[in-house]
């Protein structure tokens, strides 16, 4: 994954609560392959009418939000089913960060595993950011190292679990995160082997992590 450090980009305000994974990616599009990309069908039933024409009043379709890489929304973003393809749709569209007061747990975990930052802010700060983007320039800055978001009018902090922050800053997946502790793991194996040799199965030398 591409590491995430600091992003200055167009942000789109979606002043809605509980945008669920079926809205992010309607189930009928899940038969698409990842090679086809899910970006064109992100929020399809909210972005387009029954004939497939873009709805002019939907924020992502408005010119000032063209090329958006950040979405700001209200509480419970990504609730609903556990479909990881909902995150694929955001990432394939070009979204690198979603800012909201809360997220569906599985959605947030899937986001981090795909390089998408779920930045959790207070309800008050979310409303302030939505107002800034609705009535002013659609640009903001997200600094993951400092855990700060800035617009022309305000500067707010956001929360993210330390392990998720480390993964995003380094572009790590779960295996990379585990391997970052390899020295401590190796030391534990050696110590535990010395204390409890009877607890470990006999392995050929070529497969024994203590040799």
N, C-alpha and C. Protein backbone atom coordinates (compact mmCIF):
# COMPACT_ATOMS: atom_id res chain seq x y z
N UNK A 1 0.84 -1.20 0.00
CA UNK A 1 0.00 0.00 0.00
C UNK A 1 0.88 1.25 0.00
N UNK A 2 0.32 2.32 -0.53
CA UNK A 2 1.03 3.61 -0.50
C UNK A 2 0.92 4.21 0.91
N UNK A 3 2.05 4.59 1.51
CA UNK A 3 1.98 5.22 2.83
C UNK A 3 1.16 6.50 2.81
N UNK A 4 0.52 6.80 3.92
CA UNK A 4 -0.27 8.02 4.06
C UNK A 4 0.41 8.88 5.12
N UNK A 5 0.81 10.08 4.73
CA UNK A 5 1.42 11.01 5.68
C UNK A 5 0.60 12.30 5.77
N UNK A 6 0.60 13.06 4.70
CA UNK A 6 -0.10 14.35 4.69
C UNK A 6 -0.76 14.52 3.33
N UNK A 7 -2.02 14.85 3.35
CA UNK A 7 -2.80 14.98 2.12
C UNK A 7 -3.49 16.33 2.09
N UNK A 8 -3.25 17.08 1.04
CA UNK A 8 -4.00 18.31 0.78
C UNK A 8 -4.80 18.07 -0.50
N UNK A 9 -6.11 18.10 -0.39
CA UNK A 9 -6.93 17.65 -1.51
C UNK A 9 -8.33 18.25 -1.46
N UNK A 10 -9.04 18.08 -2.56
CA UNK A 10 -10.46 18.44 -2.61
C UNK A 10 -11.24 17.51 -1.69
N UNK A 11 -12.14 18.07 -0.92
CA UNK A 11 -12.98 17.29 0.00
C UNK A 11 -14.44 17.51 -0.35
N UNK A 12 -15.23 16.46 -0.25
CA UNK A 12 -16.65 16.53 -0.57
C UNK A 12 -17.49 16.35 0.70
N UNK A 13 -18.39 17.29 1.00
CA UNK A 13 -19.27 17.13 2.16
C UNK A 13 -20.49 16.27 1.83
N UNK A 14 -20.70 15.23 2.59
CA UNK A 14 -21.92 14.41 2.49
C UNK A 14 -22.62 14.53 3.84
N UNK A 15 -23.56 15.43 3.92
CA UNK A 15 -24.20 15.76 5.21
C UNK A 15 -25.27 14.74 5.57
N UNK A 16 -24.85 13.48 5.69
CA UNK A 16 -25.76 12.38 5.98
C UNK A 16 -25.17 11.50 7.07
N UNK A 17 -26.05 10.89 7.86
CA UNK A 17 -25.65 9.91 8.86
C UNK A 17 -25.91 8.50 8.32
N UNK A 18 -25.19 7.53 8.85
CA UNK A 18 -25.44 6.11 8.57
C UNK A 18 -25.45 5.77 7.08
N UNK A 19 -24.48 6.31 6.35
CA UNK A 19 -24.28 5.87 4.97
C UNK A 19 -23.75 4.45 5.04
N UNK A 20 -24.53 3.49 4.55
CA UNK A 20 -24.15 2.09 4.75
C UNK A 20 -23.42 1.51 3.54
N UNK A 21 -22.92 0.30 3.73
CA UNK A 21 -22.10 -0.31 2.68
C UNK A 21 -22.92 -0.65 1.44
N UNK A 22 -24.22 -0.87 1.59
CA UNK A 22 -25.06 -1.12 0.41
C UNK A 22 -25.28 0.16 -0.38
N UNK A 23 -25.27 1.31 0.28
CA UNK A 23 -25.34 2.57 -0.44
C UNK A 23 -23.99 2.87 -1.10
N UNK A 24 -22.89 2.59 -0.39
CA UNK A 24 -21.57 2.81 -0.98
C UNK A 24 -21.37 1.94 -2.21
N UNK A 25 -21.80 0.70 -2.13
CA UNK A 25 -21.71 -0.20 -3.28
C UNK A 25 -22.94 -1.11 -3.30
N UNK A 26 -23.97 -0.76 -4.08
CA UNK A 26 -25.16 -1.62 -4.16
C UNK A 26 -24.78 -3.05 -4.53
N UNK A 27 -25.48 -4.00 -3.92
CA UNK A 27 -25.10 -5.41 -4.03
C UNK A 27 -25.04 -5.91 -5.47
N UNK A 28 -25.87 -5.37 -6.34
CA UNK A 28 -25.90 -5.89 -7.72
C UNK A 28 -24.59 -5.65 -8.47
N UNK A 29 -23.75 -4.73 -7.95
CA UNK A 29 -22.49 -4.45 -8.63
C UNK A 29 -21.34 -5.30 -8.11
N UNK A 30 -21.60 -6.14 -7.12
CA UNK A 30 -20.51 -6.91 -6.53
C UNK A 30 -20.02 -8.03 -7.45
N UNK A 31 -20.73 -8.29 -8.54
CA UNK A 31 -20.26 -9.28 -9.50
C UNK A 31 -19.14 -8.72 -10.38
N UNK A 32 -18.92 -7.40 -10.31
CA UNK A 32 -17.79 -6.82 -11.04
C UNK A 32 -16.47 -7.36 -10.49
N UNK A 33 -15.48 -7.46 -11.35
CA UNK A 33 -14.15 -7.84 -10.88
C UNK A 33 -13.41 -6.60 -10.43
N UNK A 34 -12.41 -6.81 -9.58
CA UNK A 34 -11.61 -5.66 -9.12
C UNK A 34 -10.88 -5.02 -10.28
N UNK A 35 -10.53 -5.82 -11.29
CA UNK A 35 -9.85 -5.28 -12.45
C UNK A 35 -10.73 -4.26 -13.19
N UNK A 36 -12.04 -4.46 -13.17
CA UNK A 36 -12.96 -3.50 -13.80
C UNK A 36 -13.00 -2.19 -13.01
N UNK A 37 -12.79 -2.28 -11.71
CA UNK A 37 -12.85 -1.12 -10.85
C UNK A 37 -14.26 -0.84 -10.37
N UNK A 38 -14.36 -0.46 -9.10
CA UNK A 38 -15.66 -0.17 -8.49
C UNK A 38 -15.93 1.33 -8.40
N UNK A 39 -14.94 2.15 -8.74
CA UNK A 39 -15.12 3.59 -8.62
C UNK A 39 -16.32 4.15 -9.36
N UNK A 40 -16.57 3.71 -10.60
CA UNK A 40 -17.71 4.27 -11.34
C UNK A 40 -19.07 4.02 -10.70
N UNK A 41 -19.16 3.01 -9.82
CA UNK A 41 -20.46 2.69 -9.21
C UNK A 41 -20.50 3.06 -7.73
N UNK A 42 -19.51 3.80 -7.25
CA UNK A 42 -19.56 4.30 -5.86
C UNK A 42 -20.83 5.12 -5.65
N UNK A 43 -21.58 4.80 -4.60
CA UNK A 43 -22.80 5.54 -4.25
C UNK A 43 -23.74 5.67 -5.46
N UNK A 44 -23.78 4.63 -6.27
CA UNK A 44 -24.47 4.70 -7.56
C UNK A 44 -25.90 5.18 -7.46
N UNK A 45 -26.67 4.61 -6.54
CA UNK A 45 -28.09 4.93 -6.48
C UNK A 45 -28.37 6.29 -5.86
N UNK A 46 -27.35 6.91 -5.30
CA UNK A 46 -27.47 8.28 -4.81
C UNK A 46 -26.93 9.28 -5.84
N UNK A 47 -25.98 8.83 -6.67
CA UNK A 47 -25.34 9.73 -7.63
C UNK A 47 -26.07 9.82 -8.96
N UNK A 48 -26.84 8.77 -9.30
CA UNK A 48 -27.44 8.70 -10.64
C UNK A 48 -28.95 8.46 -10.56
N UNK A 49 -29.66 8.91 -11.60
CA UNK A 49 -31.10 8.63 -11.66
C UNK A 49 -31.33 7.25 -12.27
N UNK A 50 -32.59 6.90 -12.49
CA UNK A 50 -32.91 5.56 -12.98
C UNK A 50 -32.39 5.29 -14.38
N UNK A 51 -32.09 6.33 -15.11
CA UNK A 51 -31.54 6.18 -16.46
C UNK A 51 -30.03 6.30 -16.50
N UNK A 52 -29.41 6.35 -15.31
CA UNK A 52 -27.96 6.42 -15.26
C UNK A 52 -27.38 7.80 -15.46
N UNK A 53 -28.23 8.83 -15.39
CA UNK A 53 -27.73 10.19 -15.55
C UNK A 53 -27.33 10.76 -14.20
N UNK A 54 -26.18 11.47 -14.13
CA UNK A 54 -25.75 12.04 -12.85
C UNK A 54 -26.77 13.03 -12.30
N UNK A 55 -27.01 12.97 -11.00
CA UNK A 55 -27.91 13.91 -10.34
C UNK A 55 -27.11 15.16 -9.98
N UNK A 56 -27.51 16.28 -10.55
CA UNK A 56 -26.72 17.51 -10.43
C UNK A 56 -26.59 17.99 -9.00
N UNK A 57 -27.57 17.68 -8.14
CA UNK A 57 -27.52 18.20 -6.77
C UNK A 57 -26.78 17.28 -5.80
N UNK A 58 -26.27 16.14 -6.29
CA UNK A 58 -25.51 15.26 -5.39
C UNK A 58 -24.09 15.79 -5.30
N UNK A 59 -23.56 15.96 -4.09
CA UNK A 59 -22.28 16.65 -3.92
C UNK A 59 -21.13 16.13 -4.77
N UNK A 60 -20.99 14.81 -4.88
CA UNK A 60 -19.87 14.28 -5.66
C UNK A 60 -19.98 14.61 -7.15
N UNK A 61 -21.17 14.97 -7.60
CA UNK A 61 -21.35 15.32 -9.01
C UNK A 61 -21.15 16.79 -9.29
N UNK A 62 -20.95 17.59 -8.26
CA UNK A 62 -20.81 19.03 -8.44
C UNK A 62 -19.38 19.39 -8.82
N UNK A 63 -19.20 20.34 -9.75
CA UNK A 63 -17.87 20.67 -10.27
C UNK A 63 -16.85 21.01 -9.19
N UNK A 64 -17.27 21.70 -8.15
CA UNK A 64 -16.32 22.11 -7.12
C UNK A 64 -15.77 20.93 -6.31
N UNK A 65 -16.41 19.77 -6.45
CA UNK A 65 -15.94 18.58 -5.74
C UNK A 65 -15.32 17.56 -6.69
N UNK A 66 -15.06 17.98 -7.91
CA UNK A 66 -14.43 17.08 -8.87
C UNK A 66 -13.05 16.67 -8.40
N UNK A 67 -12.74 15.39 -8.57
CA UNK A 67 -11.44 14.87 -8.14
C UNK A 67 -11.29 14.77 -6.63
N UNK A 68 -12.39 14.73 -5.90
CA UNK A 68 -12.32 14.67 -4.43
C UNK A 68 -11.54 13.43 -3.98
N UNK A 69 -10.69 13.64 -2.99
CA UNK A 69 -9.96 12.54 -2.36
C UNK A 69 -10.34 12.35 -0.90
N UNK A 70 -11.22 13.24 -0.42
CA UNK A 70 -11.66 13.19 0.98
C UNK A 70 -13.17 13.34 1.01
N UNK A 71 -13.82 12.58 1.87
CA UNK A 71 -15.25 12.73 2.13
C UNK A 71 -15.43 13.07 3.60
N UNK A 72 -16.30 14.05 3.88
CA UNK A 72 -16.67 14.39 5.25
C UNK A 72 -18.15 14.06 5.41
N UNK A 73 -18.48 13.29 6.44
CA UNK A 73 -19.86 12.84 6.63
C UNK A 73 -20.21 12.89 8.11
N UNK A 74 -21.43 12.48 8.41
CA UNK A 74 -21.90 12.42 9.79
C UNK A 74 -21.69 11.01 10.36
N UNK A 75 -22.32 10.73 11.48
CA UNK A 75 -22.04 9.52 12.26
C UNK A 75 -22.34 8.23 11.50
N UNK A 76 -21.64 7.16 11.93
CA UNK A 76 -21.94 5.79 11.54
C UNK A 76 -21.69 5.53 10.06
N UNK A 77 -20.64 6.13 9.53
CA UNK A 77 -20.30 5.92 8.13
C UNK A 77 -19.82 4.48 7.94
N UNK A 78 -20.31 3.81 6.89
CA UNK A 78 -19.88 2.45 6.59
C UNK A 78 -20.53 1.39 7.45
N UNK A 79 -21.70 1.68 8.01
CA UNK A 79 -22.42 0.66 8.78
C UNK A 79 -23.00 -0.36 7.80
N UNK A 80 -23.64 -1.39 8.34
CA UNK A 80 -24.28 -2.38 7.47
C UNK A 80 -23.43 -3.62 7.29
N UNK A 81 -23.49 -4.20 6.12
CA UNK A 81 -22.81 -5.47 5.87
C UNK A 81 -21.30 -5.30 5.88
N UNK A 82 -20.60 -6.43 5.90
CA UNK A 82 -19.14 -6.40 6.02
C UNK A 82 -18.43 -6.35 4.68
N UNK A 83 -19.15 -6.12 3.59
CA UNK A 83 -18.54 -6.21 2.26
C UNK A 83 -17.34 -5.27 2.10
N UNK A 84 -16.18 -5.86 1.86
CA UNK A 84 -14.97 -5.08 1.67
C UNK A 84 -15.01 -4.30 0.37
N UNK A 85 -15.84 -4.75 -0.57
CA UNK A 85 -15.95 -4.07 -1.85
C UNK A 85 -16.46 -2.64 -1.71
N UNK A 86 -17.14 -2.33 -0.61
CA UNK A 86 -17.57 -0.95 -0.38
C UNK A 86 -16.35 -0.04 -0.23
N UNK A 87 -15.31 -0.57 0.43
CA UNK A 87 -14.06 0.19 0.55
C UNK A 87 -13.36 0.25 -0.81
N UNK A 88 -13.39 -0.86 -1.56
CA UNK A 88 -12.80 -0.84 -2.90
C UNK A 88 -13.40 0.29 -3.74
N UNK A 89 -14.73 0.47 -3.63
CA UNK A 89 -15.39 1.51 -4.42
C UNK A 89 -14.85 2.89 -4.08
N UNK A 90 -14.66 3.17 -2.81
CA UNK A 90 -14.10 4.45 -2.40
C UNK A 90 -12.67 4.62 -2.91
N UNK A 91 -11.86 3.59 -2.70
CA UNK A 91 -10.45 3.66 -3.11
C UNK A 91 -10.33 3.77 -4.63
N UNK A 92 -11.11 2.98 -5.35
CA UNK A 92 -11.04 3.02 -6.81
C UNK A 92 -11.52 4.36 -7.36
N UNK A 93 -12.42 5.01 -6.65
CA UNK A 93 -12.89 6.35 -7.06
C UNK A 93 -11.78 7.38 -6.85
N UNK A 94 -10.90 7.13 -5.90
CA UNK A 94 -9.81 8.06 -5.60
C UNK A 94 -9.86 8.63 -4.19
N UNK A 95 -10.79 8.13 -3.36
CA UNK A 95 -10.91 8.62 -1.99
C UNK A 95 -9.80 8.02 -1.12
N UNK A 96 -9.08 8.86 -0.40
CA UNK A 96 -8.00 8.39 0.47
C UNK A 96 -8.31 8.58 1.95
N UNK A 97 -9.36 9.35 2.24
CA UNK A 97 -9.69 9.61 3.64
C UNK A 97 -11.19 9.88 3.76
N UNK A 98 -11.81 9.30 4.79
CA UNK A 98 -13.19 9.63 5.15
C UNK A 98 -13.15 10.17 6.57
N UNK A 99 -13.77 11.33 6.77
CA UNK A 99 -13.81 11.99 8.07
C UNK A 99 -15.25 11.92 8.58
N UNK A 100 -15.43 11.38 9.78
CA UNK A 100 -16.78 11.26 10.36
C UNK A 100 -16.65 11.06 11.86
N UNK A 101 -17.74 11.28 12.61
CA UNK A 101 -17.68 11.06 14.06
C UNK A 101 -17.59 9.59 14.47
N UNK A 102 -18.07 8.69 13.62
CA UNK A 102 -17.96 7.26 13.93
C UNK A 102 -18.10 6.46 12.64
N UNK A 103 -17.63 5.20 12.72
CA UNK A 103 -17.61 4.32 11.56
C UNK A 103 -18.10 2.93 11.94
N UNK A 104 -18.63 2.21 10.97
CA UNK A 104 -18.87 0.79 11.18
C UNK A 104 -17.54 0.12 11.47
N UNK A 105 -17.49 -0.77 12.47
CA UNK A 105 -16.22 -1.36 12.91
C UNK A 105 -15.51 -2.11 11.78
N UNK A 106 -16.24 -2.97 11.08
CA UNK A 106 -15.61 -3.77 10.03
C UNK A 106 -15.20 -2.87 8.87
N UNK A 107 -16.04 -1.89 8.56
CA UNK A 107 -15.70 -0.95 7.49
C UNK A 107 -14.38 -0.24 7.81
N UNK A 108 -14.22 0.23 9.03
CA UNK A 108 -13.00 0.96 9.40
C UNK A 108 -11.78 0.07 9.27
N UNK A 109 -11.89 -1.19 9.72
CA UNK A 109 -10.77 -2.12 9.62
C UNK A 109 -10.43 -2.40 8.16
N UNK A 110 -11.45 -2.63 7.35
CA UNK A 110 -11.23 -2.85 5.92
C UNK A 110 -10.60 -1.63 5.26
N UNK A 111 -10.99 -0.45 5.70
CA UNK A 111 -10.44 0.78 5.14
C UNK A 111 -8.93 0.83 5.34
N UNK A 112 -8.50 0.62 6.57
CA UNK A 112 -7.06 0.68 6.88
C UNK A 112 -6.30 -0.36 6.06
N UNK A 113 -6.87 -1.54 5.90
CA UNK A 113 -6.20 -2.59 5.15
C UNK A 113 -6.10 -2.29 3.66
N UNK A 114 -6.81 -1.26 3.22
CA UNK A 114 -6.75 -0.85 1.81
C UNK A 114 -6.18 0.55 1.64
N UNK A 115 -5.53 1.06 2.70
CA UNK A 115 -4.86 2.35 2.59
C UNK A 115 -5.77 3.55 2.69
N UNK A 116 -7.00 3.36 3.18
CA UNK A 116 -7.96 4.46 3.33
C UNK A 116 -8.02 4.87 4.79
N UNK A 117 -7.83 6.13 5.07
CA UNK A 117 -7.81 6.64 6.45
C UNK A 117 -9.22 6.94 6.95
N UNK A 118 -9.71 6.24 8.00
CA UNK A 118 -10.97 6.60 8.65
C UNK A 118 -10.67 7.53 9.83
N UNK A 119 -10.81 8.82 9.62
CA UNK A 119 -10.44 9.82 10.62
C UNK A 119 -11.67 10.17 11.46
N UNK A 120 -11.61 9.86 12.76
CA UNK A 120 -12.77 10.05 13.64
C UNK A 120 -12.67 11.40 14.36
N UNK A 121 -13.68 12.24 14.16
CA UNK A 121 -13.73 13.56 14.78
C UNK A 121 -14.99 13.66 15.65
N UNK A 122 -15.09 14.71 16.45
CA UNK A 122 -16.30 14.92 17.25
C UNK A 122 -17.45 15.35 16.34
N UNK A 123 -18.67 15.20 16.85
CA UNK A 123 -19.83 15.65 16.09
C UNK A 123 -19.75 17.15 15.80
N UNK A 124 -19.30 17.91 16.78
CA UNK A 124 -19.19 19.37 16.59
C UNK A 124 -18.19 19.69 15.49
N UNK A 125 -17.04 19.02 15.51
CA UNK A 125 -16.04 19.29 14.49
C UNK A 125 -16.50 18.82 13.11
N UNK A 126 -17.22 17.72 13.06
CA UNK A 126 -17.75 17.25 11.77
C UNK A 126 -18.70 18.30 11.19
N UNK A 127 -19.57 18.86 12.03
CA UNK A 127 -20.50 19.88 11.54
C UNK A 127 -19.75 21.12 11.07
N UNK A 128 -18.70 21.49 11.78
CA UNK A 128 -17.91 22.64 11.37
C UNK A 128 -17.23 22.41 10.03
N UNK A 129 -16.66 21.22 9.83
CA UNK A 129 -16.02 20.91 8.56
C UNK A 129 -17.03 20.86 7.43
N UNK A 130 -18.19 20.28 7.68
CA UNK A 130 -19.24 20.25 6.66
C UNK A 130 -19.65 21.66 6.26
N UNK A 131 -19.79 22.54 7.23
CA UNK A 131 -20.15 23.93 6.95
C UNK A 131 -19.06 24.63 6.14
N UNK A 132 -17.80 24.42 6.52
CA UNK A 132 -16.69 25.04 5.79
C UNK A 132 -16.69 24.61 4.33
N UNK A 133 -16.89 23.32 4.09
CA UNK A 133 -16.82 22.81 2.72
C UNK A 133 -18.05 23.17 1.90
N UNK A 134 -19.17 23.36 2.58
CA UNK A 134 -20.41 23.71 1.87
C UNK A 134 -20.42 25.17 1.47
N UNK A 135 -19.84 26.02 2.31
CA UNK A 135 -19.94 27.48 2.07
C UNK A 135 -18.61 28.12 1.72
N UNK A 136 -17.57 27.34 1.59
CA UNK A 136 -16.26 27.91 1.27
C UNK A 136 -15.48 27.01 0.35
N UNK A 137 -14.17 27.21 0.23
CA UNK A 137 -13.33 26.38 -0.63
C UNK A 137 -13.40 24.90 -0.24
N UNK A 138 -13.37 24.03 -1.25
CA UNK A 138 -13.51 22.60 -1.01
C UNK A 138 -12.17 21.91 -0.82
N UNK A 139 -11.23 22.61 -0.20
CA UNK A 139 -9.90 22.06 0.02
C UNK A 139 -9.65 21.94 1.52
N UNK A 140 -9.08 20.82 1.92
CA UNK A 140 -8.61 20.69 3.30
C UNK A 140 -7.33 19.87 3.32
N UNK A 141 -6.67 19.89 4.45
CA UNK A 141 -5.42 19.16 4.65
C UNK A 141 -5.60 18.16 5.78
N UNK A 142 -5.16 16.93 5.54
CA UNK A 142 -5.20 15.88 6.56
C UNK A 142 -3.75 15.48 6.85
N UNK A 143 -3.34 15.64 8.10
CA UNK A 143 -1.98 15.30 8.52
C UNK A 143 -2.07 14.13 9.49
N UNK A 144 -1.70 12.94 9.03
CA UNK A 144 -1.83 11.75 9.87
C UNK A 144 -0.78 11.74 10.98
N UNK A 145 0.41 12.23 10.70
CA UNK A 145 1.45 12.24 11.74
C UNK A 145 1.02 13.10 12.92
N UNK A 146 0.45 14.27 12.62
CA UNK A 146 0.00 15.18 13.69
C UNK A 146 -1.43 14.91 14.12
N UNK A 147 -2.15 14.07 13.39
CA UNK A 147 -3.58 13.78 13.62
C UNK A 147 -4.39 15.08 13.63
N UNK A 148 -4.20 15.87 12.58
CA UNK A 148 -4.87 17.16 12.44
C UNK A 148 -5.52 17.30 11.07
N UNK A 149 -6.64 18.02 11.05
CA UNK A 149 -7.33 18.38 9.81
C UNK A 149 -7.45 19.89 9.79
N UNK A 150 -7.16 20.50 8.64
CA UNK A 150 -7.21 21.95 8.53
C UNK A 150 -8.00 22.39 7.30
N UNK A 151 -8.86 23.39 7.50
CA UNK A 151 -9.46 24.14 6.40
C UNK A 151 -9.02 25.59 6.57
N UNK A 152 -9.52 26.46 5.73
CA UNK A 152 -9.18 27.88 5.87
C UNK A 152 -9.71 28.46 7.17
N UNK A 153 -10.76 27.83 7.74
CA UNK A 153 -11.43 28.41 8.90
C UNK A 153 -11.14 27.71 10.22
N UNK A 154 -10.67 26.47 10.17
CA UNK A 154 -10.52 25.75 11.44
C UNK A 154 -9.43 24.70 11.35
N UNK A 155 -9.02 24.27 12.54
CA UNK A 155 -8.00 23.24 12.71
C UNK A 155 -8.52 22.29 13.79
N UNK A 156 -8.74 21.04 13.43
CA UNK A 156 -9.33 20.09 14.38
C UNK A 156 -8.47 18.83 14.44
N UNK A 157 -8.53 18.16 15.58
CA UNK A 157 -7.80 16.91 15.74
C UNK A 157 -8.72 15.74 15.43
N UNK A 158 -8.12 14.61 15.11
CA UNK A 158 -8.91 13.40 14.88
C UNK A 158 -8.25 12.23 15.59
N UNK A 159 -9.04 11.18 15.79
CA UNK A 159 -8.56 9.98 16.48
C UNK A 159 -8.44 8.82 15.50
N UNK A 160 -7.48 7.96 15.77
CA UNK A 160 -7.33 6.70 15.05
C UNK A 160 -6.52 5.78 15.95
N UNK A 161 -6.82 4.50 15.93
CA UNK A 161 -6.09 3.53 16.77
C UNK A 161 -4.61 3.55 16.41
N UNK A 162 -3.73 3.47 17.42
CA UNK A 162 -2.28 3.54 17.15
C UNK A 162 -1.79 2.51 16.13
N UNK A 163 -2.29 1.28 16.21
CA UNK A 163 -1.84 0.25 15.26
C UNK A 163 -2.27 0.61 13.85
N UNK A 164 -3.49 1.13 13.69
CA UNK A 164 -3.96 1.54 12.36
C UNK A 164 -3.14 2.71 11.84
N UNK A 165 -2.81 3.64 12.73
CA UNK A 165 -1.99 4.78 12.32
C UNK A 165 -0.63 4.31 11.82
N UNK A 166 -0.03 3.37 12.54
CA UNK A 166 1.28 2.84 12.14
C UNK A 166 1.20 2.15 10.78
N UNK A 167 0.13 1.39 10.56
CA UNK A 167 -0.02 0.70 9.28
C UNK A 167 -0.14 1.69 8.14
N UNK A 168 -0.94 2.73 8.31
CA UNK A 168 -1.13 3.70 7.24
C UNK A 168 0.13 4.53 6.99
N UNK A 169 0.79 4.95 8.06
CA UNK A 169 2.01 5.76 7.89
C UNK A 169 3.09 4.99 7.14
N UNK A 170 3.14 3.68 7.35
CA UNK A 170 4.19 2.87 6.75
C UNK A 170 3.76 2.10 5.51
N UNK A 171 2.46 2.15 5.20
CA UNK A 171 1.97 1.37 4.07
C UNK A 171 2.00 -0.13 4.35
N UNK A 172 1.78 -0.50 5.61
CA UNK A 172 1.86 -1.89 6.03
C UNK A 172 0.52 -2.60 5.96
N UNK A 173 0.58 -3.92 5.70
CA UNK A 173 -0.58 -4.77 5.95
C UNK A 173 -0.39 -5.44 7.31
N UNK A 174 -1.27 -6.38 7.66
CA UNK A 174 -1.20 -6.99 8.99
C UNK A 174 0.10 -7.78 9.18
N UNK A 175 0.57 -8.43 8.13
CA UNK A 175 1.82 -9.20 8.24
C UNK A 175 3.00 -8.26 8.47
N UNK A 176 3.02 -7.15 7.72
CA UNK A 176 4.09 -6.17 7.92
C UNK A 176 4.09 -5.64 9.36
N UNK A 177 2.90 -5.38 9.90
CA UNK A 177 2.81 -4.89 11.27
C UNK A 177 3.39 -5.91 12.24
N UNK A 178 3.06 -7.18 12.05
CA UNK A 178 3.60 -8.23 12.91
C UNK A 178 5.12 -8.30 12.78
N UNK A 179 5.62 -8.25 11.56
CA UNK A 179 7.07 -8.36 11.34
C UNK A 179 7.83 -7.16 11.91
N UNK A 180 7.14 -6.04 12.11
CA UNK A 180 7.81 -4.89 12.72
C UNK A 180 8.23 -5.19 14.15
N UNK A 181 7.65 -6.25 14.73
CA UNK A 181 7.99 -6.67 16.10
C UNK A 181 8.86 -7.93 16.09
N UNK A 182 9.54 -8.19 14.98
CA UNK A 182 10.26 -9.46 14.83
C UNK A 182 11.32 -9.68 15.92
N UNK A 183 12.01 -8.59 16.34
CA UNK A 183 13.04 -8.77 17.36
C UNK A 183 12.43 -9.22 18.69
N UNK A 184 11.30 -8.60 19.06
CA UNK A 184 10.63 -8.99 20.31
C UNK A 184 10.08 -10.41 20.20
N UNK A 185 9.56 -10.77 19.02
CA UNK A 185 9.03 -12.12 18.82
C UNK A 185 10.15 -13.16 18.92
N UNK A 186 11.26 -12.87 18.26
CA UNK A 186 12.40 -13.79 18.30
C UNK A 186 12.93 -13.95 19.73
N UNK A 187 13.02 -12.83 20.45
CA UNK A 187 13.51 -12.88 21.83
C UNK A 187 12.57 -13.71 22.70
N UNK A 188 11.25 -13.55 22.50
CA UNK A 188 10.29 -14.33 23.27
C UNK A 188 10.44 -15.82 22.97
N UNK A 189 10.61 -16.16 21.69
CA UNK A 189 10.74 -17.58 21.33
C UNK A 189 11.96 -18.19 22.00
N UNK A 190 13.10 -17.49 21.97
CA UNK A 190 14.30 -18.02 22.61
C UNK A 190 14.11 -18.17 24.11
N UNK A 191 13.50 -17.16 24.75
CA UNK A 191 13.30 -17.20 26.20
C UNK A 191 12.33 -18.31 26.57
N UNK A 192 11.24 -18.42 25.82
CA UNK A 192 10.24 -19.44 26.13
C UNK A 192 10.80 -20.84 25.89
N UNK A 193 11.63 -20.98 24.87
CA UNK A 193 12.24 -22.29 24.60
C UNK A 193 13.15 -22.72 25.74
N UNK A 194 13.89 -21.74 26.30
CA UNK A 194 14.78 -22.05 27.42
C UNK A 194 13.99 -22.42 28.67
N UNK A 195 12.86 -21.75 28.88
CA UNK A 195 12.08 -21.99 30.10
C UNK A 195 11.20 -23.23 29.97
N UNK A 196 10.70 -23.48 28.77
CA UNK A 196 9.74 -24.57 28.60
C UNK A 196 10.09 -25.39 27.34
N UNK A 197 11.21 -26.05 27.33
CA UNK A 197 11.59 -26.81 26.13
C UNK A 197 10.60 -27.90 25.77
N UNK A 198 9.90 -28.40 26.79
CA UNK A 198 8.93 -29.46 26.57
C UNK A 198 7.67 -29.00 25.83
N UNK A 199 7.47 -27.67 25.75
CA UNK A 199 6.23 -27.15 25.18
C UNK A 199 6.27 -27.02 23.66
N UNK A 200 7.47 -27.17 23.08
CA UNK A 200 7.59 -26.96 21.64
C UNK A 200 7.78 -28.27 20.91
N UNK A 201 7.15 -28.42 19.75
CA UNK A 201 7.36 -29.64 18.96
C UNK A 201 8.77 -29.67 18.40
N UNK A 202 9.25 -30.84 18.09
CA UNK A 202 10.56 -30.97 17.46
C UNK A 202 10.42 -30.62 15.97
N UNK A 203 11.23 -29.68 15.51
CA UNK A 203 11.20 -29.25 14.11
C UNK A 203 12.56 -29.49 13.48
N UNK A 204 12.59 -29.80 12.17
CA UNK A 204 13.89 -29.87 11.48
C UNK A 204 14.59 -28.53 11.60
N UNK A 205 15.91 -28.55 11.64
CA UNK A 205 16.69 -27.33 11.84
C UNK A 205 16.32 -26.25 10.84
N UNK A 206 16.02 -26.65 9.61
CA UNK A 206 15.73 -25.67 8.57
C UNK A 206 14.43 -24.92 8.82
N UNK A 207 13.54 -25.45 9.69
CA UNK A 207 12.26 -24.82 9.96
C UNK A 207 12.16 -24.28 11.38
N UNK A 208 13.19 -24.45 12.15
CA UNK A 208 13.15 -24.02 13.55
C UNK A 208 13.50 -22.53 13.64
N UNK A 209 12.56 -21.65 14.08
CA UNK A 209 12.82 -20.21 14.12
C UNK A 209 13.86 -19.81 15.15
N UNK A 210 14.26 -20.74 16.03
CA UNK A 210 15.26 -20.38 17.05
C UNK A 210 16.68 -20.67 16.58
N UNK A 211 16.80 -21.28 15.40
CA UNK A 211 18.15 -21.62 14.92
C UNK A 211 18.59 -20.68 13.82
